N, C-alpha and C. Protein backbone atom coordinates (compact mmCIF):
# COMPACT_ATOMS: atom_id res chain seq x y z
N UNK A 1 -10.15 9.82 -1.80
CA UNK A 1 -9.95 10.80 -0.73
C UNK A 1 -10.33 10.23 0.63
N UNK A 2 -9.69 10.69 1.68
CA UNK A 2 -9.87 10.10 3.00
C UNK A 2 -11.32 10.01 3.49
N UNK A 3 -12.14 10.96 3.18
CA UNK A 3 -13.52 10.94 3.70
C UNK A 3 -14.51 10.39 2.68
N UNK A 4 -14.03 9.65 1.70
CA UNK A 4 -14.89 9.17 0.62
C UNK A 4 -15.09 7.66 0.65
N UNK A 5 -15.01 7.05 1.81
CA UNK A 5 -15.19 5.60 1.91
C UNK A 5 -16.62 5.31 2.35
N UNK A 6 -17.30 4.45 1.63
CA UNK A 6 -18.69 4.15 1.98
C UNK A 6 -18.80 3.30 3.24
N UNK A 7 -17.71 2.85 3.76
CA UNK A 7 -17.71 2.11 5.02
C UNK A 7 -17.46 3.04 6.20
N UNK A 8 -17.58 4.32 5.99
CA UNK A 8 -17.47 5.40 6.97
C UNK A 8 -16.06 5.52 7.55
N UNK A 9 -15.57 4.51 8.22
CA UNK A 9 -14.25 4.59 8.86
C UNK A 9 -13.21 3.72 8.16
N UNK A 10 -13.56 3.14 7.05
CA UNK A 10 -12.66 2.21 6.37
C UNK A 10 -11.29 2.78 6.05
N UNK A 11 -11.26 4.02 5.57
CA UNK A 11 -9.98 4.64 5.22
C UNK A 11 -9.11 4.86 6.45
N UNK A 12 -9.74 5.24 7.56
CA UNK A 12 -8.99 5.49 8.79
C UNK A 12 -8.43 4.20 9.37
N UNK A 13 -9.23 3.15 9.34
CA UNK A 13 -8.77 1.85 9.82
C UNK A 13 -7.61 1.35 8.96
N UNK A 14 -7.75 1.51 7.65
CA UNK A 14 -6.69 1.07 6.75
C UNK A 14 -5.42 1.88 6.96
N UNK A 15 -5.54 3.18 7.15
CA UNK A 15 -4.36 4.02 7.40
C UNK A 15 -3.62 3.55 8.65
N UNK A 16 -4.36 3.20 9.68
CA UNK A 16 -3.75 2.70 10.91
C UNK A 16 -3.03 1.37 10.65
N UNK A 17 -3.66 0.51 9.88
CA UNK A 17 -3.05 -0.79 9.57
C UNK A 17 -1.79 -0.61 8.72
N UNK A 18 -1.81 0.33 7.81
CA UNK A 18 -0.63 0.57 6.97
C UNK A 18 0.53 1.08 7.83
N UNK A 19 0.25 1.99 8.76
CA UNK A 19 1.32 2.47 9.66
C UNK A 19 1.89 1.32 10.47
N UNK A 20 1.04 0.44 10.95
CA UNK A 20 1.49 -0.72 11.71
C UNK A 20 2.35 -1.63 10.84
N UNK A 21 1.91 -1.89 9.63
CA UNK A 21 2.68 -2.74 8.71
C UNK A 21 4.03 -2.11 8.38
N UNK A 22 4.06 -0.79 8.20
CA UNK A 22 5.33 -0.10 7.95
C UNK A 22 6.32 -0.36 9.09
N UNK A 23 5.83 -0.23 10.33
CA UNK A 23 6.70 -0.46 11.49
C UNK A 23 7.17 -1.91 11.55
N UNK A 24 6.25 -2.84 11.35
CA UNK A 24 6.61 -4.26 11.40
C UNK A 24 7.61 -4.62 10.31
N UNK A 25 7.37 -4.13 9.11
CA UNK A 25 8.28 -4.43 8.00
C UNK A 25 9.66 -3.87 8.28
N UNK A 26 9.72 -2.65 8.80
CA UNK A 26 11.02 -2.05 9.14
C UNK A 26 11.76 -2.88 10.17
N UNK A 27 11.04 -3.36 11.19
CA UNK A 27 11.66 -4.17 12.23
C UNK A 27 12.17 -5.50 11.68
N UNK A 28 11.53 -6.00 10.64
CA UNK A 28 11.96 -7.26 10.02
C UNK A 28 13.01 -7.05 8.94
N UNK A 29 13.39 -5.80 8.72
CA UNK A 29 14.40 -5.52 7.71
C UNK A 29 13.85 -5.51 6.29
N UNK A 30 12.55 -5.35 6.16
CA UNK A 30 11.90 -5.30 4.85
C UNK A 30 11.57 -3.84 4.54
N UNK A 31 11.94 -3.40 3.38
CA UNK A 31 11.69 -2.02 3.00
C UNK A 31 10.19 -1.73 2.97
N UNK A 32 9.75 -0.72 3.73
CA UNK A 32 8.33 -0.36 3.71
C UNK A 32 7.86 0.11 2.33
N UNK A 33 8.78 0.40 1.44
CA UNK A 33 8.38 0.81 0.09
C UNK A 33 7.75 -0.35 -0.68
N UNK A 34 7.80 -1.55 -0.11
CA UNK A 34 7.14 -2.71 -0.73
C UNK A 34 5.64 -2.70 -0.47
N UNK A 35 5.19 -1.79 0.36
CA UNK A 35 3.77 -1.67 0.69
C UNK A 35 3.31 -0.28 0.30
N UNK A 36 2.24 -0.21 -0.43
CA UNK A 36 1.71 1.08 -0.85
C UNK A 36 0.21 1.09 -0.68
N UNK A 37 -0.29 2.23 -0.25
CA UNK A 37 -1.73 2.40 -0.08
C UNK A 37 -2.16 3.54 -0.98
N UNK A 38 -3.13 3.28 -1.79
CA UNK A 38 -3.65 4.29 -2.72
C UNK A 38 -5.13 4.49 -2.45
N UNK A 39 -5.55 5.73 -2.42
CA UNK A 39 -6.98 6.03 -2.36
C UNK A 39 -7.54 5.91 -3.77
N UNK A 40 -8.38 4.95 -3.98
CA UNK A 40 -9.03 4.81 -5.28
C UNK A 40 -10.50 4.54 -5.02
N UNK A 41 -11.28 5.59 -5.08
CA UNK A 41 -12.71 5.47 -4.86
C UNK A 41 -13.40 5.05 -6.15
N UNK A 42 -14.68 4.78 -6.03
CA UNK A 42 -15.46 4.35 -7.19
C UNK A 42 -15.35 5.33 -8.35
N UNK A 43 -15.43 6.65 -8.11
CA UNK A 43 -15.32 7.57 -9.25
C UNK A 43 -13.93 7.55 -9.91
N UNK A 44 -12.94 7.01 -9.21
CA UNK A 44 -11.57 7.03 -9.72
C UNK A 44 -11.10 5.63 -10.12
N UNK A 45 -12.02 4.72 -10.39
CA UNK A 45 -11.65 3.33 -10.67
C UNK A 45 -10.69 3.20 -11.83
N UNK A 46 -10.71 4.15 -12.73
CA UNK A 46 -9.79 4.07 -13.88
C UNK A 46 -8.33 4.23 -13.46
N UNK A 47 -8.11 4.77 -12.29
CA UNK A 47 -6.75 4.96 -11.77
C UNK A 47 -6.15 3.67 -11.21
N UNK A 48 -6.97 2.65 -11.03
CA UNK A 48 -6.49 1.40 -10.44
C UNK A 48 -5.38 0.77 -11.26
N UNK A 49 -5.56 0.71 -12.57
CA UNK A 49 -4.53 0.12 -13.44
C UNK A 49 -3.21 0.86 -13.33
N UNK A 50 -3.27 2.19 -13.28
CA UNK A 50 -2.05 2.99 -13.14
C UNK A 50 -1.36 2.71 -11.80
N UNK A 51 -2.15 2.61 -10.74
CA UNK A 51 -1.58 2.34 -9.42
C UNK A 51 -0.90 0.98 -9.38
N UNK A 52 -1.53 -0.01 -9.99
CA UNK A 52 -0.94 -1.35 -10.04
C UNK A 52 0.35 -1.34 -10.85
N UNK A 53 0.32 -0.65 -11.96
CA UNK A 53 1.51 -0.58 -12.82
C UNK A 53 2.67 0.11 -12.09
N UNK A 54 2.39 1.20 -11.38
CA UNK A 54 3.43 1.91 -10.63
C UNK A 54 4.02 1.03 -9.53
N UNK A 55 3.16 0.30 -8.84
CA UNK A 55 3.65 -0.58 -7.77
C UNK A 55 4.48 -1.71 -8.34
N UNK A 56 4.05 -2.26 -9.45
CA UNK A 56 4.81 -3.33 -10.11
C UNK A 56 6.19 -2.83 -10.51
N UNK A 57 6.25 -1.63 -11.07
CA UNK A 57 7.54 -1.05 -11.47
C UNK A 57 8.43 -0.82 -10.24
N UNK A 58 7.84 -0.32 -9.16
CA UNK A 58 8.61 -0.06 -7.95
C UNK A 58 9.18 -1.35 -7.38
N UNK A 59 8.38 -2.40 -7.33
CA UNK A 59 8.85 -3.68 -6.79
C UNK A 59 9.94 -4.27 -7.68
N UNK A 60 9.78 -4.15 -8.98
CA UNK A 60 10.82 -4.66 -9.89
C UNK A 60 12.14 -3.93 -9.69
N UNK A 61 12.09 -2.61 -9.41
CA UNK A 61 13.31 -1.85 -9.15
C UNK A 61 13.97 -2.29 -7.85
N UNK A 62 13.15 -2.53 -6.83
CA UNK A 62 13.68 -2.95 -5.53
C UNK A 62 14.32 -4.32 -5.62
N UNK A 63 13.70 -5.19 -6.39
CA UNK A 63 14.23 -6.55 -6.55
C UNK A 63 13.52 -7.54 -5.65
N UNK A 64 13.98 -8.77 -5.73
CA UNK A 64 13.32 -9.84 -4.99
C UNK A 64 13.59 -9.71 -3.49
N UNK A 65 12.70 -10.28 -2.73
CA UNK A 65 12.80 -10.26 -1.28
C UNK A 65 13.44 -11.57 -0.84
N UNK A 66 14.61 -11.47 -0.26
CA UNK A 66 15.34 -12.66 0.18
C UNK A 66 15.24 -12.80 1.69
N UNK A 67 14.33 -13.64 2.12
CA UNK A 67 14.17 -13.89 3.55
C UNK A 67 14.75 -15.26 3.87
N UNK A 68 15.45 -15.31 4.96
CA UNK A 68 16.01 -16.59 5.41
C UNK A 68 15.40 -16.90 6.75
N UNK A 69 14.87 -18.10 6.90
CA UNK A 69 14.19 -18.42 8.15
C UNK A 69 14.75 -19.62 8.84
């Protein structure tokens, strides 16, 4: 949950960074769905495996990222 970070402002700083990354990825033509942020606090550590599995499935559906530089 947003107010459950022991670093006091960690969740808010991360939320700001995620919004910035979403904008940057969109500008680069990369689907922002390749980036996901999940609230997983210490009491919810068992949810980490599920979050990783869901992200892995989502990335596999999207497919590989083909960047040409």
